[in-house]
Amino acid sequence: MKTITEVKSDLDKSGLTIAEWAKENGYSYQAVQRVLNGNAKYKRGQSHNIAVTLGLKEGEIRMK
């Protein structure tokens, strides 16, 4: 699993902005920003899915 700092570093290395990553992965910029700023606990729902996709936590991505 990665830390938030590692995820941000990976985005920098790939040349992607948070907004670009969010759009490419079907999430809103605001939702991704809440996860990366620590304002979302990412236990369930969209914040969980974002955290799993970013590699911040293990788990399954559940779609509606």
PDB file of N, CA and C in Angstrom:
ATOM      1  N   MET A   1       0.820  -1.163   0.000  1.00  0.00           N
ATOM      2  CA  MET A   1       0.000   0.000   0.000  1.00  0.00           C
ATOM      3  C   MET A   1       0.882   1.250   0.000  1.00  0.00           C
ATOM      4  N   LYS A   2       0.345   2.293  -0.559  1.00  0.00           N
ATOM      5  CA  LYS A   2       1.082   3.543  -0.672  1.00  0.00           C
ATOM      6  C   LYS A   2       0.575   4.551   0.351  1.00  0.00           C
ATOM      7  N   THR A   3       1.426   5.496   0.653  1.00  0.00           N
ATOM      8  CA  THR A   3       1.005   6.630   1.470  1.00  0.00           C
ATOM      9  C   THR A   3       0.474   7.714   0.535  1.00  0.00           C
ATOM     10  N   ILE A   4      -0.197   8.681   1.102  1.00  0.00           N
ATOM     11  CA  ILE A   4      -0.698   9.797   0.300  1.00  0.00           C
ATOM     12  C   ILE A   4       0.464  10.530  -0.366  1.00  0.00           C
ATOM     13  N   THR A   5       1.563  10.687   0.350  1.00  0.00           N
ATOM     14  CA  THR A   5       2.745  11.343  -0.216  1.00  0.00           C
ATOM     15  C   THR A   5       3.276  10.572  -1.416  1.00  0.00           C
ATOM     16  N   GLU A   6       3.309   9.249  -1.320  1.00  0.00           N
ATOM     17  CA  GLU A   6       3.770   8.422  -2.439  1.00  0.00           C
ATOM     18  C   GLU A   6       2.839   8.539  -3.641  1.00  0.00           C
ATOM     19  N   VAL A   7       1.543   8.567  -3.389  1.00  0.00           N
ATOM     20  CA  VAL A   7       0.581   8.707  -4.485  1.00  0.00           C
ATOM     21  C   VAL A   7       0.781  10.041  -5.193  1.00  0.00           C
ATOM     22  N   LYS A   8       0.923  11.113  -4.427  1.00  0.00           N
ATOM     23  CA  LYS A   8       1.144  12.432  -5.025  1.00  0.00           C
ATOM     24  C   LYS A   8       2.454  12.461  -5.812  1.00  0.00           C
ATOM     25  N   SER A   9       3.480  11.820  -5.287  1.00  0.00           N
ATOM     26  CA  SER A   9       4.762  11.742  -5.985  1.00  0.00           C
ATOM     27  C   SER A   9       4.618  10.960  -7.289  1.00  0.00           C
ATOM     28  N   ASP A  10       3.882   9.854  -7.252  1.00  0.00           N
ATOM     29  CA  ASP A  10       3.654   9.060  -8.463  1.00  0.00           C
ATOM     30  C   ASP A  10       2.924   9.874  -9.525  1.00  0.00           C
ATOM     31  N   LEU A  11       1.944  10.671  -9.109  1.00  0.00           N
ATOM     32  CA  LEU A  11       1.229  11.519 -10.061  1.00  0.00           C
ATOM     33  C   LEU A  11       2.186  12.541 -10.676  1.00  0.00           C
ATOM     34  N   ASP A  12       3.036  13.133  -9.850  1.00  0.00           N
ATOM     35  CA  ASP A  12       4.032  14.087 -10.356  1.00  0.00           C
ATOM     36  C   ASP A  12       4.965  13.425 -11.366  1.00  0.00           C
ATOM     37  N   LYS A  13       5.432  12.219 -11.046  1.00  0.00           N
ATOM     38  CA  LYS A  13       6.355  11.499 -11.930  1.00  0.00           C
ATOM     39  C   LYS A  13       5.700  11.139 -13.256  1.00  0.00           C
ATOM     40  N   SER A  14       4.394  10.872 -13.215  1.00  0.00           N
ATOM     41  CA  SER A  14       3.690  10.493 -14.444  1.00  0.00           C
ATOM     42  C   SER A  14       3.266  11.711 -15.257  1.00  0.00           C
ATOM     43  N   GLY A  15       3.404  12.884 -14.672  1.00  0.00           N
ATOM     44  CA  GLY A  15       3.023  14.097 -15.376  1.00  0.00           C
ATOM     45  C   GLY A  15       1.529  14.362 -15.386  1.00  0.00           C
ATOM     46  N   LEU A  16       0.785  13.654 -14.538  1.00  0.00           N
ATOM     47  CA  LEU A  16      -0.663  13.836 -14.459  1.00  0.00           C
ATOM     48  C   LEU A  16      -1.026  14.763 -13.318  1.00  0.00           C
ATOM     49  N   THR A  17      -1.998  15.609 -13.572  1.00  0.00           N
ATOM     50  CA  THR A  17      -2.559  16.393 -12.480  1.00  0.00           C
ATOM     51  C   THR A  17      -3.614  15.540 -11.789  1.00  0.00           C
ATOM     52  N   ILE A  18      -4.013  15.960 -10.616  1.00  0.00           N
ATOM     53  CA  ILE A  18      -5.077  15.243  -9.908  1.00  0.00           C
ATOM     54  C   ILE A  18      -6.353  15.282 -10.729  1.00  0.00           C
ATOM     55  N   ALA A  19      -6.628  16.421 -11.344  1.00  0.00           N
ATOM     56  CA  ALA A  19      -7.828  16.558 -12.167  1.00  0.00           C
ATOM     57  C   ALA A  19      -7.802  15.598 -13.357  1.00  0.00           C
ATOM     58  N   GLU A  20      -6.659  15.469 -14.002  1.00  0.00           N
ATOM     59  CA  GLU A  20      -6.536  14.546 -15.142  1.00  0.00           C
ATOM     60  C   GLU A  20      -6.721  13.102 -14.692  1.00  0.00           C
ATOM     61  N   TRP A  21      -6.086  12.744 -13.570  1.00  0.00           N
ATOM     62  CA  TRP A  21      -6.224  11.377 -13.061  1.00  0.00           C
ATOM     63  C   TRP A  21      -7.680  11.088 -12.725  1.00  0.00           C
ATOM     64  N   ALA A  22      -8.329  12.036 -12.075  1.00  0.00           N
ATOM     65  CA  ALA A  22      -9.727  11.863 -11.689  1.00  0.00           C
ATOM     66  C   ALA A  22     -10.597  11.631 -12.915  1.00  0.00           C
ATOM     67  N   LYS A  23     -10.420  12.445 -13.932  1.00  0.00           N
ATOM     68  CA  LYS A  23     -11.228  12.319 -15.151  1.00  0.00           C
ATOM     69  C   LYS A  23     -10.978  10.984 -15.839  1.00  0.00           C
ATOM     70  N   GLU A  24      -9.708  10.579 -15.952  1.00  0.00           N
ATOM     71  CA  GLU A  24      -9.360   9.314 -16.601  1.00  0.00           C
ATOM     72  C   GLU A  24      -9.956   8.112 -15.868  1.00  0.00           C
ATOM     73  N   ASN A  25     -10.157   8.249 -14.563  1.00  0.00           N
ATOM     74  CA  ASN A  25     -10.646   7.127 -13.766  1.00  0.00           C
ATOM     75  C   ASN A  25     -12.116   7.260 -13.385  1.00  0.00           C
ATOM     76  N   GLY A  26     -12.791   8.274 -13.911  1.00  0.00           N
ATOM     77  CA  GLY A  26     -14.228   8.415 -13.719  1.00  0.00           C
ATOM     78  C   GLY A  26     -14.657   8.984 -12.375  1.00  0.00           C
ATOM     79  N   TYR A  27     -13.780   9.744 -11.740  1.00  0.00           N
ATOM     80  CA  TYR A  27     -14.100  10.355 -10.451  1.00  0.00           C
ATOM     81  C   TYR A  27     -14.080  11.873 -10.575  1.00  0.00           C
ATOM     82  N   SER A  28     -14.755  12.547  -9.679  1.00  0.00           N
ATOM     83  CA  SER A  28     -14.701  14.007  -9.684  1.00  0.00           C
ATOM     84  C   SER A  28     -13.392  14.453  -9.021  1.00  0.00           C
ATOM     85  N   TYR A  29     -12.920  15.594  -9.481  1.00  0.00           N
ATOM     86  CA  TYR A  29     -11.701  16.169  -8.907  1.00  0.00           C
ATOM     87  C   TYR A  29     -11.875  16.394  -7.409  1.00  0.00           C
ATOM     88  N   GLN A  30     -13.042  16.910  -7.022  1.00  0.00           N
ATOM     89  CA  GLN A  30     -13.292  17.228  -5.618  1.00  0.00           C
ATOM     90  C   GLN A  30     -13.233  15.977  -4.742  1.00  0.00           C
ATOM     91  N   ALA A  31     -13.784  14.866  -5.228  1.00  0.00           N
ATOM     92  CA  ALA A  31     -13.781  13.624  -4.447  1.00  0.00           C
ATOM     93  C   ALA A  31     -12.356  13.103  -4.261  1.00  0.00           C
ATOM     94  N   VAL A  32     -11.558  13.150  -5.316  1.00  0.00           N
ATOM     95  CA  VAL A  32     -10.164  12.692  -5.225  1.00  0.00           C
ATOM     96  C   VAL A  32      -9.378  13.611  -4.294  1.00  0.00           C
ATOM     97  N   GLN A  33      -9.623  14.890  -4.402  1.00  0.00           N
ATOM     98  CA  GLN A  33      -8.934  15.866  -3.546  1.00  0.00           C
ATOM     99  C   GLN A  33      -9.257  15.616  -2.071  1.00  0.00           C
ATOM    100  N   ARG A  34     -10.516  15.294  -1.763  1.00  0.00           N
ATOM    101  CA  ARG A  34     -10.897  15.008  -0.368  1.00  0.00           C
ATOM    102  C   ARG A  34     -10.122  13.801   0.159  1.00  0.00           C
ATOM    103  N   VAL A  35      -9.955  12.773  -0.667  1.00  0.00           N
ATOM    104  CA  VAL A  35      -9.192  11.587  -0.247  1.00  0.00           C
ATOM    105  C   VAL A  35      -7.728  11.952  -0.026  1.00  0.00           C
ATOM    106  N   LEU A  36      -7.141  12.678  -0.967  1.00  0.00           N
ATOM    107  CA  LEU A  36      -5.719  13.014  -0.869  1.00  0.00           C
ATOM    108  C   LEU A  36      -5.415  14.032   0.219  1.00  0.00           C
ATOM    109  N   ASN A  37      -6.395  14.817   0.599  1.00  0.00           N
ATOM    110  CA  ASN A  37      -6.187  15.783   1.685  1.00  0.00           C
ATOM    111  C   ASN A  37      -6.513  15.193   3.048  1.00  0.00           C
ATOM    112  N   GLY A  38      -6.993  13.947   3.069  1.00  0.00           N
ATOM    113  CA  GLY A  38      -7.327  13.314   4.332  1.00  0.00           C
ATOM    114  C   GLY A  38      -8.677  13.719   4.883  1.00  0.00           C
ATOM    115  N   ASN A  39      -9.505  14.376   4.063  1.00  0.00           N
ATOM    116  CA  ASN A  39     -10.822  14.818   4.510  1.00  0.00           C
ATOM    117  C   ASN A  39     -11.892  13.742   4.350  1.00  0.00           C
ATOM    118  N   ALA A  40     -11.563  12.658   3.666  1.00  0.00           N
ATOM    119  CA  ALA A  40     -12.493  11.537   3.497  1.00  0.00           C
ATOM    120  C   ALA A  40     -11.860  10.312   4.159  1.00  0.00           C
ATOM    121  N   LYS A  41     -12.656   9.573   4.896  1.00  0.00           N
ATOM    122  CA  LYS A  41     -12.123   8.411   5.616  1.00  0.00           C
ATOM    123  C   LYS A  41     -11.956   7.188   4.720  1.00  0.00           C
ATOM    124  N   TYR A  42     -12.517   7.214   3.551  1.00  0.00           N
ATOM    125  CA  TYR A  42     -12.523   6.155   2.536  1.00  0.00           C
ATOM    126  C   TYR A  42     -12.802   4.764   3.078  1.00  0.00           C
ATOM    127  N   LYS A  43     -13.852   4.683   3.892  1.00  0.00           N
ATOM    128  CA  LYS A  43     -14.300   3.385   4.401  1.00  0.00           C
ATOM    129  C   LYS A  43     -15.267   2.701   3.445  1.00  0.00           C
ATOM    130  N   ARG A  44     -16.060   3.486   2.724  1.00  0.00           N
ATOM    131  CA  ARG A  44     -17.053   2.903   1.828  1.00  0.00           C
ATOM    132  C   ARG A  44     -17.386   3.892   0.720  1.00  0.00           C
ATOM    133  N   GLY A  45     -18.125   3.405  -0.258  1.00  0.00           N
ATOM    134  CA  GLY A  45     -18.584   4.270  -1.339  1.00  0.00           C
ATOM    135  C   GLY A  45     -17.477   4.751  -2.255  1.00  0.00           C
ATOM    136  N   GLN A  46     -17.714   5.928  -2.820  1.00  0.00           N
ATOM    137  CA  GLN A  46     -16.793   6.469  -3.808  1.00  0.00           C
ATOM    138  C   GLN A  46     -15.397   6.712  -3.231  1.00  0.00           C
ATOM    139  N   SER A  47     -15.311   7.201  -2.013  1.00  0.00           N
ATOM    140  CA  SER A  47     -13.984   7.456  -1.439  1.00  0.00           C
ATOM    141  C   SER A  47     -13.208   6.151  -1.261  1.00  0.00           C
ATOM    142  N   HIS A  48     -13.894   5.069  -0.919  1.00  0.00           N
ATOM    143  CA  HIS A  48     -13.261   3.738  -0.840  1.00  0.00           C
ATOM    144  C   HIS A  48     -12.713   3.354  -2.209  1.00  0.00           C
ATOM    145  N   ASN A  49     -13.551   3.505  -3.238  1.00  0.00           N
ATOM    146  CA  ASN A  49     -13.131   3.139  -4.593  1.00  0.00           C
ATOM    147  C   ASN A  49     -11.918   3.954  -5.037  1.00  0.00           C
ATOM    148  N   ILE A  50     -11.913   5.232  -4.740  1.00  0.00           N
ATOM    149  CA  ILE A  50     -10.785   6.086  -5.097  1.00  0.00           C
ATOM    150  C   ILE A  50      -9.520   5.616  -4.386  1.00  0.00           C
ATOM    151  N   ALA A  51      -9.622   5.343  -3.101  1.00  0.00           N
ATOM    152  CA  ALA A  51      -8.458   4.903  -2.324  1.00  0.00           C
ATOM    153  C   ALA A  51      -7.905   3.581  -2.850  1.00  0.00           C
ATOM    154  N   VAL A  52      -8.777   2.661  -3.215  1.00  0.00           N
ATOM    155  CA  VAL A  52      -8.322   1.380  -3.770  1.00  0.00           C
ATOM    156  C   VAL A  52      -7.628   1.610  -5.114  1.00  0.00           C
ATOM    157  N   THR A  53      -8.236   2.425  -5.979  1.00  0.00           N
ATOM    158  CA  THR A  53      -7.667   2.696  -7.297  1.00  0.00           C
ATOM    159  C   THR A  53      -6.305   3.380  -7.188  1.00  0.00           C
ATOM    160  N   LEU A  54      -6.165   4.267  -6.221  1.00  0.00           N
ATOM    161  CA  LEU A  54      -4.885   4.959  -6.017  1.00  0.00           C
ATOM    162  C   LEU A  54      -3.842   4.083  -5.328  1.00  0.00           C
ATOM    163  N   GLY A  55      -4.267   2.971  -4.742  1.00  0.00           N
ATOM    164  CA  GLY A  55      -3.337   2.098  -4.032  1.00  0.00           C
ATOM    165  C   GLY A  55      -3.144   2.469  -2.578  1.00  0.00           C
ATOM    166  N   LEU A  56      -4.053   3.282  -2.035  1.00  0.00           N
ATOM    167  CA  LEU A  56      -3.953   3.682  -0.636  1.00  0.00           C
ATOM    168  C   LEU A  56      -4.444   2.597   0.315  1.00  0.00           C
ATOM    169  N   LYS A  57      -5.281   1.704  -0.187  1.00  0.00           N
ATOM    170  CA  LYS A  57      -5.784   0.627   0.648  1.00  0.00           C
ATOM    171  C   LYS A  57      -6.114  -0.571  -0.221  1.00  0.00           C
ATOM    172  N   GLU A  58      -6.149  -1.730   0.414  1.00  0.00           N
ATOM    173  CA  GLU A  58      -6.562  -2.937  -0.285  1.00  0.00           C
ATOM    174  C   GLU A  58      -8.074  -3.027  -0.244  1.00  0.00           C
ATOM    175  N   GLY A  59      -8.635  -3.662  -1.233  1.00  0.00           N
ATOM    176  CA  GLY A  59     -10.078  -3.844  -1.247  1.00  0.00           C
ATOM    177  C   GLY A  59     -10.587  -4.043  -2.652  1.00  0.00           C
ATOM    178  N   GLU A  60     -11.886  -4.217  -2.729  1.00  0.00           N
ATOM    179  CA  GLU A  60     -12.551  -4.392  -4.013  1.00  0.00           C
ATOM    180  C   GLU A  60     -13.262  -3.104  -4.392  1.00  0.00           C
ATOM    181  N   ILE A  61     -13.308  -2.834  -5.668  1.00  0.00           N
ATOM    182  CA  ILE A  61     -14.064  -1.690  -6.144  1.00  0.00           C
ATOM    183  C   ILE A  61     -15.459  -2.191  -6.476  1.00  0.00           C
ATOM    184  N   ARG A  62     -16.419  -1.610  -5.808  1.00  0.00           N
ATOM    185  CA  ARG A  62     -17.813  -2.006  -5.996  1.00  0.00           C
ATOM    186  C   ARG A  62     -18.521  -0.961  -6.829  1.00  0.00           C
ATOM    187  N   MET A  63     -19.126  -1.414  -7.897  1.00  0.00           N
ATOM    188  CA  MET A  63     -19.906  -0.501  -8.740  1.00  0.00           C
ATOM    189  C   MET A  63     -21.377  -0.681  -8.454  1.00  0.00           C
ATOM    190  N   LYS A  64     -22.131   0.378  -8.696  1.00  0.00           N
ATOM    191  CA  LYS A  64     -23.577   0.324  -8.473  1.00  0.00           C
ATOM    192  C   LYS A  64     -24.249  -0.556  -9.498  1.00  0.00           C
TER     193      LYS A  64
END
